[in-house]
Amino acid sequence: MSSLTIVFAYALDLILGDPQGFPHPVRLMGKLISALERLFRKVGSSPIWLRCAGVLL
């Protein structure tokens, strides 16, 4: 990839940006992880269970 391509892609990203109504994948993953963490903490609170839940996450 040439330097010109990188500069052009960066400029295009600055001009266009991200769509307003489009959810970012990192935010979606964060919401999923938070929901699963709440679920796992409701199921049990033993150290072994929490370690297993952490591995699953």
PDB file of N, CA and C in Angstrom:
ATOM      1  N   MET A   1       0.859  -1.169   0.000  1.00  0.00           N
ATOM      2  CA  MET A   1       0.000   0.000   0.000  1.00  0.00           C
ATOM      3  C   MET A   1       0.907   1.234   0.000  1.00  0.00           C
ATOM      4  N   SER A   2       0.645   2.116  -0.911  1.00  0.00           N
ATOM      5  CA  SER A   2       1.487   3.298  -1.033  1.00  0.00           C
ATOM      6  C   SER A   2       1.076   4.376  -0.032  1.00  0.00           C
ATOM      7  N   SER A   3       1.972   5.301   0.179  1.00  0.00           N
ATOM      8  CA  SER A   3       1.694   6.417   1.091  1.00  0.00           C
ATOM      9  C   SER A   3       0.538   7.266   0.579  1.00  0.00           C
ATOM     10  N   LEU A   4       0.455   7.406  -0.731  1.00  0.00           N
ATOM     11  CA  LEU A   4      -0.627   8.194  -1.319  1.00  0.00           C
ATOM     12  C   LEU A   4      -1.985   7.561  -1.023  1.00  0.00           C
ATOM     13  N   THR A   5      -2.052   6.248  -1.068  1.00  0.00           N
ATOM     14  CA  THR A   5      -3.304   5.545  -0.768  1.00  0.00           C
ATOM     15  C   THR A   5      -3.721   5.779   0.676  1.00  0.00           C
ATOM     16  N   ILE A   6      -2.761   5.713   1.583  1.00  0.00           N
ATOM     17  CA  ILE A   6      -3.053   5.926   3.007  1.00  0.00           C
ATOM     18  C   ILE A   6      -3.534   7.351   3.246  1.00  0.00           C
ATOM     19  N   VAL A   7      -2.869   8.322   2.645  1.00  0.00           N
ATOM     20  CA  VAL A   7      -3.265   9.724   2.807  1.00  0.00           C
ATOM     21  C   VAL A   7      -4.659   9.951   2.225  1.00  0.00           C
ATOM     22  N   PHE A   8      -4.931   9.380   1.067  1.00  0.00           N
ATOM     23  CA  PHE A   8      -6.243   9.523   0.440  1.00  0.00           C
ATOM     24  C   PHE A   8      -7.332   8.892   1.307  1.00  0.00           C
ATOM     25  N   ALA A   9      -7.070   7.699   1.834  1.00  0.00           N
ATOM     26  CA  ALA A   9      -8.057   7.024   2.688  1.00  0.00           C
ATOM     27  C   ALA A   9      -8.306   7.823   3.960  1.00  0.00           C
ATOM     28  N   TYR A  10      -7.260   8.380   4.544  1.00  0.00           N
ATOM     29  CA  TYR A  10      -7.405   9.189   5.757  1.00  0.00           C
ATOM     30  C   TYR A  10      -8.226  10.447   5.471  1.00  0.00           C
ATOM     31  N   ALA A  11      -7.937  11.109   4.367  1.00  0.00           N
ATOM     32  CA  ALA A  11      -8.683  12.322   4.005  1.00  0.00           C
ATOM     33  C   ALA A  11     -10.148  11.995   3.736  1.00  0.00           C
ATOM     34  N   LEU A  12     -10.394  10.894   3.063  1.00  0.00           N
ATOM     35  CA  LEU A  12     -11.766  10.476   2.787  1.00  0.00           C
ATOM     36  C   LEU A  12     -12.517  10.180   4.084  1.00  0.00           C
ATOM     37  N   ASP A  13     -11.833   9.544   5.039  1.00  0.00           N
ATOM     38  CA  ASP A  13     -12.460   9.262   6.329  1.00  0.00           C
ATOM     39  C   ASP A  13     -12.770  10.554   7.082  1.00  0.00           C
ATOM     40  N   LEU A  14     -11.888  11.524   7.018  1.00  0.00           N
ATOM     41  CA  LEU A  14     -12.142  12.812   7.680  1.00  0.00           C
ATOM     42  C   LEU A  14     -13.334  13.531   7.054  1.00  0.00           C
ATOM     43  N   ILE A  15     -13.441  13.463   5.745  1.00  0.00           N
ATOM     44  CA  ILE A  15     -14.518  14.166   5.047  1.00  0.00           C
ATOM     45  C   ILE A  15     -15.868  13.484   5.269  1.00  0.00           C
ATOM     46  N   LEU A  16     -15.907  12.171   5.079  1.00  0.00           N
ATOM     47  CA  LEU A  16     -17.177  11.445   5.156  1.00  0.00           C
ATOM     48  C   LEU A  16     -17.549  11.041   6.577  1.00  0.00           C
ATOM     49  N   GLY A  17     -16.575  10.627   7.360  1.00  0.00           N
ATOM     50  CA  GLY A  17     -16.854  10.198   8.732  1.00  0.00           C
ATOM     51  C   GLY A  17     -17.681   8.924   8.772  1.00  0.00           C
ATOM     52  N   ASP A  18     -18.243   8.635   9.940  1.00  0.00           N
ATOM     53  CA  ASP A  18     -19.090   7.462  10.122  1.00  0.00           C
ATOM     54  C   ASP A  18     -20.546   7.859   9.959  1.00  0.00           C
ATOM     55  N   PRO A  19     -21.364   6.986   9.405  1.00  0.00           N
ATOM     56  CA  PRO A  19     -22.797   7.279   9.304  1.00  0.00           C
ATOM     57  C   PRO A  19     -23.415   7.467  10.689  1.00  0.00           C
ATOM     58  N   GLN A  20     -24.324   8.413  10.834  1.00  0.00           N
ATOM     59  CA  GLN A  20     -24.896   8.744  12.142  1.00  0.00           C
ATOM     60  C   GLN A  20     -25.708   7.604  12.744  1.00  0.00           C
ATOM     61  N   GLY A  21     -26.518   6.940  11.955  1.00  0.00           N
ATOM     62  CA  GLY A  21     -27.388   5.909  12.498  1.00  0.00           C
ATOM     63  C   GLY A  21     -26.770   4.527  12.522  1.00  0.00           C
ATOM     64  N   PHE A  22     -25.509   4.407  12.143  1.00  0.00           N
ATOM     65  CA  PHE A  22     -24.865   3.104  12.033  1.00  0.00           C
ATOM     66  C   PHE A  22     -24.169   2.760  13.346  1.00  0.00           C
ATOM     67  N   PRO A  23     -24.578   1.659  14.008  1.00  0.00           N
ATOM     68  CA  PRO A  23     -23.947   1.305  15.284  1.00  0.00           C
ATOM     69  C   PRO A  23     -22.531   0.769  15.072  1.00  0.00           C
ATOM     70  N   HIS A  24     -21.620   1.192  15.918  1.00  0.00           N
ATOM     71  CA  HIS A  24     -20.234   0.757  15.807  1.00  0.00           C
ATOM     72  C   HIS A  24     -20.095  -0.654  16.375  1.00  0.00           C
ATOM     73  N   PRO A  25     -19.361  -1.542  15.717  1.00  0.00           N
ATOM     74  CA  PRO A  25     -19.232  -2.925  16.187  1.00  0.00           C
ATOM     75  C   PRO A  25     -18.683  -3.047  17.609  1.00  0.00           C
ATOM     76  N   VAL A  26     -17.783  -2.162  18.000  1.00  0.00           N
ATOM     77  CA  VAL A  26     -17.216  -2.230  19.350  1.00  0.00           C
ATOM     78  C   VAL A  26     -18.289  -1.953  20.394  1.00  0.00           C
ATOM     79  N   ARG A  27     -19.181  -1.011  20.118  1.00  0.00           N
ATOM     80  CA  ARG A  27     -20.278  -0.734  21.056  1.00  0.00           C
ATOM     81  C   ARG A  27     -21.217  -1.923  21.156  1.00  0.00           C
ATOM     82  N   LEU A  28     -21.492  -2.574  20.030  1.00  0.00           N
ATOM     83  CA  LEU A  28     -22.354  -3.756  20.045  1.00  0.00           C
ATOM     84  C   LEU A  28     -21.722  -4.882  20.858  1.00  0.00           C
ATOM     85  N   MET A  29     -20.420  -5.091  20.687  1.00  0.00           N
ATOM     86  CA  MET A  29     -19.731  -6.126  21.468  1.00  0.00           C
ATOM     87  C   MET A  29     -19.759  -5.790  22.953  1.00  0.00           C
ATOM     88  N   GLY A  30     -19.584  -4.520  23.292  1.00  0.00           N
ATOM     89  CA  GLY A  30     -19.628  -4.103  24.690  1.00  0.00           C
ATOM     90  C   GLY A  30     -20.981  -4.359  25.322  1.00  0.00           C
ATOM     91  N   LYS A  31     -22.042  -4.078  24.579  1.00  0.00           N
ATOM     92  CA  LYS A  31     -23.390  -4.329  25.099  1.00  0.00           C
ATOM     93  C   LYS A  31     -23.629  -5.817  25.298  1.00  0.00           C
ATOM     94  N   LEU A  32     -23.165  -6.637  24.360  1.00  0.00           N
ATOM     95  CA  LEU A  32     -23.319  -8.085  24.477  1.00  0.00           C
ATOM     96  C   LEU A  32     -22.544  -8.615  25.682  1.00  0.00           C
ATOM     97  N   ILE A  33     -21.320  -8.165  25.859  1.00  0.00           N
ATOM     98  CA  ILE A  33     -20.507  -8.609  26.990  1.00  0.00           C
ATOM     99  C   ILE A  33     -21.143  -8.188  28.305  1.00  0.00           C
ATOM    100  N   SER A  34     -21.656  -6.975  28.393  1.00  0.00           N
ATOM    101  CA  SER A  34     -22.312  -6.510  29.621  1.00  0.00           C
ATOM    102  C   SER A  34     -23.538  -7.345  29.946  1.00  0.00           C
ATOM    103  N   ALA A  35     -24.333  -7.656  28.929  1.00  0.00           N
ATOM    104  CA  ALA A  35     -25.532  -8.470  29.152  1.00  0.00           C
ATOM    105  C   ALA A  35     -25.157  -9.871  29.622  1.00  0.00           C
ATOM    106  N   LEU A  36     -24.147 -10.467  28.996  1.00  0.00           N
ATOM    107  CA  LEU A  36     -23.720 -11.804  29.407  1.00  0.00           C
ATOM    108  C   LEU A  36     -23.120 -11.791  30.808  1.00  0.00           C
ATOM    109  N   GLU A  37     -22.383 -10.738  31.145  1.00  0.00           N
ATOM    110  CA  GLU A  37     -21.807 -10.638  32.488  1.00  0.00           C
ATOM    111  C   GLU A  37     -22.912 -10.576  33.543  1.00  0.00           C
ATOM    112  N   ARG A  38     -23.947  -9.774  33.296  1.00  0.00           N
ATOM    113  CA  ARG A  38     -25.070  -9.711  34.240  1.00  0.00           C
ATOM    114  C   ARG A  38     -25.732 -11.078  34.393  1.00  0.00           C
ATOM    115  N   LEU A  39     -25.924 -11.771  33.278  1.00  0.00           N
ATOM    116  CA  LEU A  39     -26.532 -13.099  33.311  1.00  0.00           C
ATOM    117  C   LEU A  39     -25.669 -14.072  34.105  1.00  0.00           C
ATOM    118  N   PHE A  40     -24.376 -14.087  33.850  1.00  0.00           N
ATOM    119  CA  PHE A  40     -23.481 -15.007  34.549  1.00  0.00           C
ATOM    120  C   PHE A  40     -23.434 -14.715  36.045  1.00  0.00           C
ATOM    121  N   ARG A  41     -23.480 -13.444  36.425  1.00  0.00           N
ATOM    122  CA  ARG A  41     -23.441 -13.106  37.854  1.00  0.00           C
ATOM    123  C   ARG A  41     -24.738 -13.501  38.557  1.00  0.00           C
ATOM    124  N   LYS A  42     -25.859 -13.534  37.823  1.00  0.00           N
ATOM    125  CA  LYS A  42     -27.122 -13.993  38.412  1.00  0.00           C
ATOM    126  C   LYS A  42     -27.097 -15.498  38.650  1.00  0.00           C
ATOM    127  N   VAL A  43     -26.420 -16.225  37.778  1.00  0.00           N
ATOM    128  CA  VAL A  43     -26.388 -17.687  37.866  1.00  0.00           C
ATOM    129  C   VAL A  43     -25.602 -18.144  39.090  1.00  0.00           C
ATOM    130  N   GLY A  44     -24.476 -17.524  39.369  1.00  0.00           N
ATOM    131  CA  GLY A  44     -23.675 -17.955  40.513  1.00  0.00           C
ATOM    132  C   GLY A  44     -22.625 -16.931  40.882  1.00  0.00           C
ATOM    133  N   SER A  45     -22.073 -17.099  42.092  1.00  0.00           N
ATOM    134  CA  SER A  45     -21.064 -16.141  42.544  1.00  0.00           C
ATOM    135  C   SER A  45     -19.826 -16.830  43.109  1.00  0.00           C
ATOM    136  N   SER A  46     -19.727 -18.144  42.959  1.00  0.00           N
ATOM    137  CA  SER A  46     -18.539 -18.836  43.469  1.00  0.00           C
ATOM    138  C   SER A  46     -17.333 -18.459  42.613  1.00  0.00           C
ATOM    139  N   PRO A  47     -16.157 -18.456  43.206  1.00  0.00           N
ATOM    140  CA  PRO A  47     -14.958 -18.097  42.433  1.00  0.00           C
ATOM    141  C   PRO A  47     -14.736 -18.993  41.211  1.00  0.00           C
ATOM    142  N   ILE A  48     -15.048 -20.275  41.347  1.00  0.00           N
ATOM    143  CA  ILE A  48     -14.860 -21.185  40.209  1.00  0.00           C
ATOM    144  C   ILE A  48     -15.828 -20.828  39.080  1.00  0.00           C
ATOM    145  N   TRP A  49     -17.091 -20.562  39.430  1.00  0.00           N
ATOM    146  CA  TRP A  49     -18.078 -20.194  38.408  1.00  0.00           C
ATOM    147  C   TRP A  49     -17.695 -18.881  37.725  1.00  0.00           C
ATOM    148  N   LEU A  50     -17.262 -17.900  38.512  1.00  0.00           N
ATOM    149  CA  LEU A  50     -16.891 -16.612  37.926  1.00  0.00           C
ATOM    150  C   LEU A  50     -15.686 -16.756  37.000  1.00  0.00           C
ATOM    151  N   ARG A  51     -14.758 -17.638  37.351  1.00  0.00           N
ATOM    152  CA  ARG A  51     -13.605 -17.867  36.481  1.00  0.00           C
ATOM    153  C   ARG A  51     -14.062 -18.511  35.169  1.00  0.00           C
ATOM    154  N   CYS A  52     -14.949 -19.498  35.262  1.00  0.00           N
ATOM    155  CA  CYS A  52     -15.482 -20.141  34.049  1.00  0.00           C
ATOM    156  C   CYS A  52     -16.248 -19.133  33.192  1.00  0.00           C
ATOM    157  N   ALA A  53     -17.027 -18.277  33.840  1.00  0.00           N
ATOM    158  CA  ALA A  53     -17.773 -17.254  33.105  1.00  0.00           C
ATOM    159  C   ALA A  53     -16.812 -16.298  32.404  1.00  0.00           C
ATOM    160  N   GLY A  54     -15.720 -15.956  33.078  1.00  0.00           N
ATOM    161  CA  GLY A  54     -14.721 -15.091  32.457  1.00  0.00           C
ATOM    162  C   GLY A  54     -14.084 -15.727  31.235  1.00  0.00           C
ATOM    163  N   VAL A  55     -13.854 -17.030  31.310  1.00  0.00           N
ATOM    164  CA  VAL A  55     -13.300 -17.739  30.151  1.00  0.00           C
ATOM    165  C   VAL A  55     -14.306 -17.725  29.004  1.00  0.00           C
ATOM    166  N   LEU A  56     -15.579 -17.919  29.320  1.00  0.00           N
ATOM    167  CA  LEU A  56     -16.606 -17.903  28.277  1.00  0.00           C
ATOM    168  C   LEU A  56     -16.731 -16.533  27.617  1.00  0.00           C
ATOM    169  N   LEU A  57     -16.569 -15.481  28.413  1.00  0.00           N
ATOM    170  CA  LEU A  57     -16.657 -14.139  27.845  1.00  0.00           C
ATOM    171  C   LEU A  57     -15.455 -13.875  26.968  1.00  0.00           C
TER     172      LEU A  57
END
